Amino acid sequence: MVWPILAAVLVSAGNALSRKLFDLSSNAFLELQWYLFSAAFLSAAGYVLLVNEHVRIDAVSQRFKPRVRAWLDVVVLAIFVLPLTGVIGALGFHLFEQAWTSGEGSSNAGGLLRWPVYACVPFGMACLGLQALSETIRRLAWLAGRAPHPTLAESALPPFMPGPSRPPR
């Protein structure tokens, strides 16, 4: 998730510099920026659900007891999130497949092939769907008394890019 954003920033800066310094621009670089942003955004959806940072109506949700919130999460995940990720993922895969077989490219001069960005949709929906299934199972296990509290904060995860180890003091 971090790498596509960094790449998009570098491509954007390179494109801006080449445009300002050399009066050169590239549609491929402009499209690559939004391809990378799409990849980052869609692949991050499952992670956001994992660390409990997804959009919800907290003003209402906070008034419920933890068990009611867990049941509400189970219902929302099972009735809305899982079916929608399946439908959007299937439609996205169909779009990707059509672009792959036809070799669809950008309508802009010097633009990129479209299938890589279309592939982000089914991939992102698969990640989100798998995480939604995992969250549903975790909440049901907690409700049955077989698992610890299901919510997880990002701070509880190991660092993504650990720094150099420091000797203990």
N, C-alpha and C. Protein backbone atom coordinates (compact mmCIF):
# COMPACT_ATOMS: atom_id res chain seq x y z
N MET A 1 0.81 -1.18 0.00
CA MET A 1 0.00 0.00 0.00
C MET A 1 0.86 1.25 0.00
N VAL A 2 1.99 1.19 0.68
CA VAL A 2 2.89 2.34 0.76
C VAL A 2 3.64 2.52 -0.56
N TRP A 3 4.06 1.42 -1.17
CA TRP A 3 4.90 1.50 -2.37
C TRP A 3 4.20 2.11 -3.57
N PRO A 4 2.93 1.77 -3.85
CA PRO A 4 2.28 2.43 -4.99
C PRO A 4 2.11 3.93 -4.79
N ILE A 5 1.88 4.36 -3.55
CA ILE A 5 1.75 5.80 -3.28
C ILE A 5 3.09 6.48 -3.49
N LEU A 6 4.16 5.88 -2.99
CA LEU A 6 5.50 6.45 -3.19
C LEU A 6 5.82 6.51 -4.69
N ALA A 7 5.52 5.44 -5.41
CA ALA A 7 5.77 5.43 -6.85
C ALA A 7 4.95 6.51 -7.56
N ALA A 8 3.68 6.68 -7.15
CA ALA A 8 2.84 7.72 -7.76
C ALA A 8 3.40 9.11 -7.51
N VAL A 9 3.92 9.35 -6.31
CA VAL A 9 4.51 10.64 -5.99
C VAL A 9 5.75 10.88 -6.85
N LEU A 10 6.59 9.85 -6.97
CA LEU A 10 7.80 9.99 -7.78
C LEU A 10 7.48 10.21 -9.26
N VAL A 11 6.50 9.46 -9.78
CA VAL A 11 6.10 9.63 -11.18
C VAL A 11 5.52 11.04 -11.38
N SER A 12 4.70 11.47 -10.44
CA SER A 12 4.10 12.81 -10.54
C SER A 12 5.17 13.89 -10.51
N ALA A 13 6.12 13.76 -9.59
CA ALA A 13 7.20 14.76 -9.51
C ALA A 13 8.06 14.74 -10.77
N GLY A 14 8.37 13.54 -11.25
CA GLY A 14 9.16 13.44 -12.48
C GLY A 14 8.44 14.04 -13.67
N ASN A 15 7.15 13.78 -13.76
CA ASN A 15 6.36 14.33 -14.86
C ASN A 15 6.29 15.86 -14.76
N ALA A 16 6.10 16.38 -13.55
CA ALA A 16 6.03 17.83 -13.37
C ALA A 16 7.37 18.48 -13.72
N LEU A 17 8.46 17.87 -13.27
CA LEU A 17 9.78 18.43 -13.57
C LEU A 17 10.08 18.40 -15.07
N SER A 18 9.75 17.30 -15.72
CA SER A 18 10.03 17.22 -17.16
C SER A 18 9.17 18.21 -17.94
N ARG A 19 7.96 18.45 -17.44
CA ARG A 19 7.09 19.42 -18.10
C ARG A 19 7.61 20.84 -17.91
N LYS A 20 8.04 21.18 -16.69
CA LYS A 20 8.50 22.54 -16.40
C LYS A 20 9.90 22.82 -16.97
N LEU A 21 10.80 21.84 -16.84
CA LEU A 21 12.19 22.07 -17.26
C LEU A 21 12.42 21.86 -18.74
N PHE A 22 11.74 20.86 -19.32
CA PHE A 22 12.03 20.50 -20.71
C PHE A 22 10.84 20.64 -21.63
N ASP A 23 9.71 21.11 -21.09
CA ASP A 23 8.47 21.25 -21.85
C ASP A 23 8.06 19.91 -22.48
N LEU A 24 8.29 18.82 -21.75
CA LEU A 24 7.90 17.48 -22.18
C LEU A 24 6.88 16.92 -21.21
N SER A 25 5.89 16.23 -21.74
CA SER A 25 4.90 15.58 -20.90
C SER A 25 4.53 14.26 -21.52
N SER A 26 3.98 13.38 -20.70
CA SER A 26 3.62 12.06 -21.19
C SER A 26 2.27 11.64 -20.64
N ASN A 27 1.37 11.25 -21.54
CA ASN A 27 0.08 10.72 -21.09
C ASN A 27 0.28 9.42 -20.31
N ALA A 28 1.27 8.65 -20.69
CA ALA A 28 1.54 7.40 -19.98
C ALA A 28 1.87 7.67 -18.51
N PHE A 29 2.68 8.71 -18.25
CA PHE A 29 3.00 9.03 -16.86
C PHE A 29 1.78 9.54 -16.10
N LEU A 30 0.95 10.34 -16.76
CA LEU A 30 -0.28 10.82 -16.11
C LEU A 30 -1.20 9.65 -15.76
N GLU A 31 -1.34 8.71 -16.70
CA GLU A 31 -2.20 7.56 -16.44
C GLU A 31 -1.59 6.63 -15.39
N LEU A 32 -0.26 6.50 -15.41
CA LEU A 32 0.41 5.65 -14.43
C LEU A 32 0.15 6.15 -13.02
N GLN A 33 0.05 7.46 -12.84
CA GLN A 33 -0.23 8.02 -11.52
C GLN A 33 -1.57 7.50 -10.99
N TRP A 34 -2.61 7.55 -11.82
CA TRP A 34 -3.90 7.09 -11.30
C TRP A 34 -3.98 5.58 -11.28
N TYR A 35 -3.21 4.87 -12.08
CA TYR A 35 -3.13 3.41 -11.96
C TYR A 35 -2.56 3.05 -10.59
N LEU A 36 -1.48 3.72 -10.20
CA LEU A 36 -0.84 3.43 -8.92
C LEU A 36 -1.74 3.81 -7.75
N PHE A 37 -2.43 4.94 -7.88
CA PHE A 37 -3.36 5.34 -6.82
C PHE A 37 -4.49 4.32 -6.70
N SER A 38 -5.00 3.84 -7.83
CA SER A 38 -6.06 2.83 -7.80
C SER A 38 -5.58 1.56 -7.12
N ALA A 39 -4.37 1.13 -7.45
CA ALA A 39 -3.82 -0.07 -6.83
C ALA A 39 -3.69 0.11 -5.32
N ALA A 40 -3.20 1.26 -4.89
CA ALA A 40 -3.04 1.51 -3.46
C ALA A 40 -4.39 1.56 -2.75
N PHE A 41 -5.32 2.29 -3.32
CA PHE A 41 -6.63 2.46 -2.69
C PHE A 41 -7.37 1.14 -2.60
N LEU A 42 -7.43 0.39 -3.69
CA LEU A 42 -8.19 -0.86 -3.69
C LEU A 42 -7.52 -1.95 -2.86
N SER A 43 -6.21 -1.98 -2.83
CA SER A 43 -5.56 -3.01 -2.02
C SER A 43 -5.57 -2.66 -0.54
N ALA A 44 -5.81 -1.42 -0.20
CA ALA A 44 -5.84 -1.01 1.21
C ALA A 44 -7.19 -1.25 1.87
N ALA A 45 -8.23 -1.51 1.11
CA ALA A 45 -9.57 -1.64 1.68
C ALA A 45 -9.64 -2.76 2.72
N GLY A 46 -9.06 -3.91 2.42
CA GLY A 46 -9.06 -5.01 3.38
C GLY A 46 -8.27 -4.68 4.63
N TYR A 47 -7.16 -4.00 4.48
CA TYR A 47 -6.34 -3.61 5.62
C TYR A 47 -7.08 -2.63 6.53
N VAL A 48 -7.79 -1.71 5.93
CA VAL A 48 -8.56 -0.73 6.71
C VAL A 48 -9.62 -1.45 7.54
N LEU A 49 -10.24 -2.47 6.98
CA LEU A 49 -11.21 -3.26 7.73
C LEU A 49 -10.51 -4.03 8.85
N LEU A 50 -9.33 -4.57 8.58
CA LEU A 50 -8.57 -5.31 9.58
C LEU A 50 -8.29 -4.47 10.81
N VAL A 51 -7.86 -3.24 10.62
CA VAL A 51 -7.48 -2.38 11.76
C VAL A 51 -8.64 -1.53 12.27
N ASN A 52 -9.84 -1.85 11.83
CA ASN A 52 -11.06 -1.23 12.36
C ASN A 52 -11.10 0.28 12.12
N GLU A 53 -10.62 0.71 10.97
CA GLU A 53 -10.63 2.13 10.62
C GLU A 53 -11.62 2.42 9.49
N HIS A 54 -12.50 1.48 9.21
CA HIS A 54 -13.45 1.65 8.13
C HIS A 54 -14.56 2.63 8.53
N VAL A 55 -15.29 3.10 7.55
CA VAL A 55 -16.33 4.08 7.77
C VAL A 55 -17.52 3.41 8.45
N ARG A 56 -17.97 4.03 9.49
CA ARG A 56 -19.19 3.60 10.16
C ARG A 56 -19.76 4.81 10.88
N ILE A 57 -20.95 4.68 11.34
CA ILE A 57 -21.58 5.79 12.05
C ILE A 57 -21.23 5.65 13.52
N ASP A 58 -20.06 6.19 13.90
CA ASP A 58 -19.56 6.04 15.26
C ASP A 58 -20.46 6.67 16.30
N ALA A 59 -21.13 7.78 15.96
CA ALA A 59 -22.00 8.44 16.92
C ALA A 59 -23.12 7.50 17.38
N VAL A 60 -23.57 6.64 16.48
CA VAL A 60 -24.61 5.67 16.82
C VAL A 60 -23.97 4.40 17.38
N SER A 61 -22.92 3.93 16.74
CA SER A 61 -22.28 2.67 17.11
C SER A 61 -21.73 2.70 18.54
N GLN A 62 -21.19 3.82 18.98
CA GLN A 62 -20.60 3.91 20.31
C GLN A 62 -21.63 3.78 21.42
N ARG A 63 -22.88 4.00 21.12
CA ARG A 63 -23.93 3.91 22.14
C ARG A 63 -24.32 2.47 22.45
N PHE A 64 -23.91 1.54 21.57
CA PHE A 64 -24.25 0.14 21.78
C PHE A 64 -23.20 -0.56 22.62
N LYS A 65 -23.62 -1.63 23.27
CA LYS A 65 -22.69 -2.47 24.02
C LYS A 65 -21.84 -3.26 23.02
N PRO A 66 -20.67 -3.72 23.44
CA PRO A 66 -19.79 -4.46 22.52
C PRO A 66 -20.46 -5.65 21.84
N ARG A 67 -21.29 -6.39 22.54
CA ARG A 67 -21.95 -7.55 21.92
C ARG A 67 -22.93 -7.11 20.82
N VAL A 68 -23.64 -6.01 21.06
CA VAL A 68 -24.57 -5.50 20.04
C VAL A 68 -23.79 -5.01 18.83
N ARG A 69 -22.66 -4.32 19.08
CA ARG A 69 -21.81 -3.87 17.97
C ARG A 69 -21.28 -5.05 17.18
N ALA A 70 -20.89 -6.11 17.87
CA ALA A 70 -20.38 -7.30 17.17
C ALA A 70 -21.47 -7.92 16.30
N TRP A 71 -22.68 -8.02 16.83
CA TRP A 71 -23.78 -8.57 16.03
C TRP A 71 -24.09 -7.65 14.84
N LEU A 72 -24.06 -6.36 15.09
CA LEU A 72 -24.30 -5.40 13.99
C LEU A 72 -23.24 -5.56 12.91
N ASP A 73 -21.98 -5.71 13.31
CA ASP A 73 -20.90 -5.94 12.34
C ASP A 73 -21.13 -7.22 11.56
N VAL A 74 -21.53 -8.29 12.23
CA VAL A 74 -21.78 -9.57 11.55
C VAL A 74 -22.88 -9.41 10.51
N VAL A 75 -23.96 -8.75 10.89
CA VAL A 75 -25.08 -8.56 9.96
C VAL A 75 -24.66 -7.71 8.77
N VAL A 76 -23.99 -6.60 9.03
CA VAL A 76 -23.59 -5.70 7.94
C VAL A 76 -22.58 -6.40 7.01
N LEU A 77 -21.61 -7.09 7.60
CA LEU A 77 -20.62 -7.79 6.78
C LEU A 77 -21.26 -8.89 5.95
N ALA A 78 -22.15 -9.65 6.56
CA ALA A 78 -22.76 -10.78 5.85
C ALA A 78 -23.80 -10.36 4.82
N ILE A 79 -24.57 -9.33 5.12
CA ILE A 79 -25.66 -8.95 4.22
C ILE A 79 -25.23 -7.94 3.16
N PHE A 80 -24.29 -7.08 3.49
CA PHE A 80 -23.92 -6.02 2.55
C PHE A 80 -22.51 -6.18 1.98
N VAL A 81 -21.52 -6.26 2.84
CA VAL A 81 -20.14 -6.21 2.37
C VAL A 81 -19.77 -7.44 1.54
N LEU A 82 -20.02 -8.63 2.07
CA LEU A 82 -19.63 -9.84 1.32
C LEU A 82 -20.34 -9.95 -0.03
N PRO A 83 -21.66 -9.77 -0.10
CA PRO A 83 -22.29 -9.83 -1.44
C PRO A 83 -21.80 -8.74 -2.39
N LEU A 84 -21.61 -7.52 -1.88
CA LEU A 84 -21.16 -6.44 -2.76
C LEU A 84 -19.73 -6.67 -3.27
N THR A 85 -18.86 -7.19 -2.41
CA THR A 85 -17.51 -7.48 -2.90
C THR A 85 -17.55 -8.58 -3.95
N GLY A 86 -18.45 -9.54 -3.78
CA GLY A 86 -18.59 -10.59 -4.80
C GLY A 86 -19.09 -10.05 -6.13
N VAL A 87 -20.12 -9.21 -6.08
CA VAL A 87 -20.69 -8.65 -7.32
C VAL A 87 -19.69 -7.71 -8.00
N ILE A 88 -19.11 -6.78 -7.24
CA ILE A 88 -18.17 -5.84 -7.83
C ILE A 88 -16.92 -6.56 -8.33
N GLY A 89 -16.46 -7.56 -7.57
CA GLY A 89 -15.30 -8.34 -7.99
C GLY A 89 -15.57 -9.10 -9.28
N ALA A 90 -16.75 -9.71 -9.40
CA ALA A 90 -17.10 -10.45 -10.61
C ALA A 90 -17.23 -9.51 -11.81
N LEU A 91 -17.89 -8.38 -11.62
CA LEU A 91 -18.02 -7.41 -12.71
C LEU A 91 -16.66 -6.84 -13.09
N GLY A 92 -15.83 -6.58 -12.09
CA GLY A 92 -14.47 -6.08 -12.36
C GLY A 92 -13.63 -7.10 -13.09
N PHE A 93 -13.80 -8.38 -12.74
CA PHE A 93 -13.04 -9.42 -13.43
C PHE A 93 -13.48 -9.51 -14.88
N HIS A 94 -14.78 -9.38 -15.12
CA HIS A 94 -15.30 -9.41 -16.50
C HIS A 94 -14.70 -8.26 -17.31
N LEU A 95 -14.65 -7.08 -16.71
CA LEU A 95 -14.06 -5.91 -17.37
C LEU A 95 -12.58 -6.14 -17.66
N PHE A 96 -11.86 -6.67 -16.66
CA PHE A 96 -10.45 -6.99 -16.84
C PHE A 96 -10.25 -8.00 -17.97
N GLU A 97 -11.08 -9.04 -17.96
CA GLU A 97 -10.96 -10.10 -18.98
C GLU A 97 -11.19 -9.56 -20.39
N GLN A 98 -12.19 -8.70 -20.54
CA GLN A 98 -12.45 -8.08 -21.85
C GLN A 98 -11.27 -7.22 -22.29
N ALA A 99 -10.73 -6.43 -21.38
CA ALA A 99 -9.59 -5.57 -21.73
C ALA A 99 -8.36 -6.40 -22.06
N TRP A 100 -8.17 -7.50 -21.35
CA TRP A 100 -7.03 -8.38 -21.58
C TRP A 100 -7.10 -9.01 -22.98
N THR A 101 -8.27 -9.57 -23.31
CA THR A 101 -8.40 -10.27 -24.59
C THR A 101 -8.42 -9.31 -25.78
N SER A 102 -8.95 -8.12 -25.58
CA SER A 102 -9.03 -7.18 -26.69
C SER A 102 -7.78 -6.32 -26.82
N GLY A 103 -6.95 -6.31 -25.76
CA GLY A 103 -5.77 -5.45 -25.78
C GLY A 103 -6.15 -3.98 -25.66
N GLU A 104 -7.24 -3.71 -24.97
CA GLU A 104 -7.74 -2.34 -24.85
C GLU A 104 -6.66 -1.42 -24.30
N GLY A 105 -6.53 -0.29 -24.94
CA GLY A 105 -5.58 0.72 -24.52
C GLY A 105 -6.27 2.04 -24.30
N SER A 106 -5.51 2.97 -23.83
CA SER A 106 -6.02 4.31 -23.57
C SER A 106 -6.41 4.98 -24.88
N SER A 107 -7.40 5.84 -24.81
CA SER A 107 -7.77 6.63 -25.98
C SER A 107 -6.86 7.84 -26.15
N ASN A 108 -6.01 8.09 -25.14
CA ASN A 108 -5.05 9.21 -25.22
C ASN A 108 -3.80 8.76 -25.95
N ALA A 109 -3.22 9.66 -26.71
CA ALA A 109 -1.99 9.35 -27.43
C ALA A 109 -0.89 9.00 -26.45
N GLY A 110 -0.24 7.87 -26.68
CA GLY A 110 0.85 7.44 -25.80
C GLY A 110 0.38 6.89 -24.47
N GLY A 111 -0.91 6.60 -24.36
CA GLY A 111 -1.46 6.08 -23.11
C GLY A 111 -1.12 4.61 -22.89
N LEU A 112 -1.55 4.09 -21.77
CA LEU A 112 -1.22 2.73 -21.36
C LEU A 112 -2.32 1.74 -21.69
N LEU A 113 -1.98 0.46 -21.60
CA LEU A 113 -2.99 -0.58 -21.67
C LEU A 113 -3.92 -0.44 -20.46
N ARG A 114 -5.18 -0.83 -20.61
CA ARG A 114 -6.14 -0.67 -19.53
C ARG A 114 -6.23 -1.87 -18.58
N TRP A 115 -5.84 -3.07 -19.03
CA TRP A 115 -6.09 -4.24 -18.20
C TRP A 115 -5.38 -4.19 -16.85
N PRO A 116 -4.18 -3.59 -16.70
CA PRO A 116 -3.58 -3.59 -15.36
C PRO A 116 -4.43 -2.83 -14.32
N VAL A 117 -4.99 -1.72 -14.72
CA VAL A 117 -5.81 -0.97 -13.75
C VAL A 117 -7.15 -1.67 -13.54
N TYR A 118 -7.69 -2.31 -14.57
CA TYR A 118 -8.92 -3.08 -14.38
C TYR A 118 -8.70 -4.28 -13.47
N ALA A 119 -7.50 -4.84 -13.46
CA ALA A 119 -7.19 -5.98 -12.60
C ALA A 119 -7.20 -5.58 -11.13
N CYS A 120 -7.01 -4.30 -10.85
CA CYS A 120 -7.03 -3.83 -9.46
C CYS A 120 -8.41 -4.02 -8.81
N VAL A 121 -9.47 -3.94 -9.60
CA VAL A 121 -10.82 -4.03 -9.03
C VAL A 121 -11.09 -5.43 -8.48
N PRO A 122 -10.95 -6.51 -9.26
CA PRO A 122 -11.21 -7.82 -8.67
C PRO A 122 -10.20 -8.18 -7.57
N PHE A 123 -8.94 -7.75 -7.72
CA PHE A 123 -7.95 -8.02 -6.68
C PHE A 123 -8.33 -7.32 -5.37
N GLY A 124 -8.68 -6.05 -5.45
CA GLY A 124 -9.07 -5.30 -4.26
C GLY A 124 -10.34 -5.85 -3.62
N MET A 125 -11.30 -6.25 -4.44
CA MET A 125 -12.54 -6.82 -3.90
C MET A 125 -12.29 -8.19 -3.28
N ALA A 126 -11.36 -8.96 -3.85
CA ALA A 126 -11.01 -10.26 -3.25
C ALA A 126 -10.37 -10.04 -1.88
N CYS A 127 -9.45 -9.08 -1.78
CA CYS A 127 -8.82 -8.78 -0.49
C CYS A 127 -9.85 -8.31 0.53
N LEU A 128 -10.73 -7.41 0.11
CA LEU A 128 -11.75 -6.91 1.02
C LEU A 128 -12.73 -8.01 1.41
N GLY A 129 -13.13 -8.84 0.45
CA GLY A 129 -14.06 -9.94 0.74
C GLY A 129 -13.46 -10.95 1.71
N LEU A 130 -12.21 -11.31 1.50
CA LEU A 130 -11.55 -12.25 2.41
C LEU A 130 -11.42 -11.66 3.81
N GLN A 131 -11.10 -10.39 3.89
CA GLN A 131 -10.99 -9.76 5.20
C GLN A 131 -12.36 -9.64 5.86
N ALA A 132 -13.40 -9.36 5.09
CA ALA A 132 -14.75 -9.29 5.64
C ALA A 132 -15.18 -10.65 6.18
N LEU A 133 -14.84 -11.70 5.45
CA LEU A 133 -15.14 -13.06 5.91
C LEU A 133 -14.38 -13.34 7.22
N SER A 134 -13.11 -12.96 7.26
CA SER A 134 -12.31 -13.15 8.46
C SER A 134 -12.90 -12.38 9.65
N GLU A 135 -13.31 -11.14 9.42
CA GLU A 135 -13.89 -10.33 10.50
C GLU A 135 -15.21 -10.92 10.98
N THR A 136 -16.00 -11.45 10.06
CA THR A 136 -17.26 -12.08 10.44
C THR A 136 -16.99 -13.28 11.34
N ILE A 137 -16.04 -14.11 10.94
CA ILE A 137 -15.68 -15.29 11.74
C ILE A 137 -15.14 -14.89 13.10
N ARG A 138 -14.28 -13.86 13.13
CA ARG A 138 -13.71 -13.40 14.42
C ARG A 138 -14.80 -12.91 15.35
N ARG A 139 -15.78 -12.18 14.83
CA ARG A 139 -16.84 -11.68 15.69
C ARG A 139 -17.75 -12.80 16.17
N LEU A 140 -18.05 -13.73 15.29
CA LEU A 140 -18.87 -14.88 15.71
C LEU A 140 -18.14 -15.71 16.76
N ALA A 141 -16.84 -15.89 16.60
CA ALA A 141 -16.06 -16.64 17.60
C ALA A 141 -16.06 -15.91 18.94
N TRP A 142 -15.93 -14.58 18.90
CA TRP A 142 -15.96 -13.81 20.15
C TRP A 142 -17.34 -13.90 20.80
N LEU A 143 -18.38 -13.80 20.01
CA LEU A 143 -19.74 -13.90 20.55
C LEU A 143 -19.99 -15.27 21.17
N ALA A 144 -19.34 -16.31 20.64
CA ALA A 144 -19.49 -17.66 21.18
C ALA A 144 -18.54 -17.91 22.36
N GLY A 145 -17.70 -16.91 22.69
CA GLY A 145 -16.78 -17.05 23.80
C GLY A 145 -15.55 -17.87 23.49
N ARG A 146 -15.20 -17.99 22.23
CA ARG A 146 -14.06 -18.82 21.82
C ARG A 146 -12.86 -18.03 21.31
N ALA A 147 -12.91 -16.73 21.40
CA ALA A 147 -11.80 -15.91 20.90
C ALA A 147 -11.76 -14.60 21.67
N PRO A 148 -10.60 -13.93 21.66
CA PRO A 148 -10.53 -12.62 22.32
C PRO A 148 -11.35 -11.58 21.56
N HIS A 149 -11.46 -10.41 22.15
CA HIS A 149 -12.23 -9.32 21.53
C HIS A 149 -11.75 -9.12 20.10
N PRO A 150 -12.67 -9.01 19.13
CA PRO A 150 -12.29 -9.05 17.72
C PRO A 150 -11.69 -7.79 17.13
N THR A 151 -11.79 -6.67 17.80
CA THR A 151 -11.27 -5.46 17.17
C THR A 151 -9.76 -5.37 17.36
N LEU A 152 -9.12 -4.83 16.38
CA LEU A 152 -7.66 -4.74 16.35
C LEU A 152 -7.28 -3.32 15.96
N ALA A 153 -6.34 -2.76 16.67
CA ALA A 153 -5.83 -1.44 16.32
C ALA A 153 -4.56 -1.59 15.51
N GLU A 154 -4.29 -0.62 14.68
CA GLU A 154 -3.09 -0.66 13.85
C GLU A 154 -1.83 -0.72 14.72
N SER A 155 -1.89 -0.09 15.89
CA SER A 155 -0.73 -0.07 16.78
C SER A 155 -0.41 -1.46 17.32
N ALA A 156 -1.37 -2.39 17.27
CA ALA A 156 -1.14 -3.75 17.77
C ALA A 156 -0.41 -4.62 16.75
N LEU A 157 -0.31 -4.15 15.52
CA LEU A 157 0.36 -4.92 14.48
C LEU A 157 1.87 -4.70 14.52
N PRO A 158 2.64 -5.67 14.04
CA PRO A 158 4.09 -5.43 13.96
C PRO A 158 4.37 -4.34 12.94
N PRO A 159 5.50 -3.64 13.07
CA PRO A 159 5.79 -2.56 12.13
C PRO A 159 5.94 -3.09 10.71
N PHE A 160 5.47 -2.29 9.75
CA PHE A 160 5.55 -2.68 8.34
C PHE A 160 6.99 -2.70 7.88
N MET A 161 7.73 -1.68 8.27
CA MET A 161 9.14 -1.57 7.90
C MET A 161 9.93 -1.32 9.17
N PRO A 162 10.33 -2.40 9.84
CA PRO A 162 11.04 -2.20 11.10
C PRO A 162 12.37 -1.50 10.86
N GLY A 163 12.69 -0.64 11.78
CA GLY A 163 13.96 0.08 11.70
C GLY A 163 15.09 -0.79 12.21
N PRO A 164 16.27 -0.23 12.23
CA PRO A 164 17.41 -1.01 12.73
C PRO A 164 17.20 -1.33 14.21
N SER A 165 17.62 -2.51 14.61
CA SER A 165 17.42 -2.90 16.00
C SER A 165 18.37 -2.10 16.87
N ARG A 166 17.86 -1.70 17.99
CA ARG A 166 18.66 -0.91 18.93
C ARG A 166 18.98 -1.79 20.13
N PRO A 167 20.19 -1.64 20.63
CA PRO A 167 20.51 -2.44 21.82
C PRO A 167 19.72 -1.94 23.02
N PRO A 168 19.33 -2.86 23.89
CA PRO A 168 18.56 -2.42 25.08
C PRO A 168 19.43 -1.56 26.00
N ARG A 169 18.80 -0.65 26.70
CA ARG A 169 19.53 0.23 27.63
C ARG A 169 19.49 -0.33 29.02
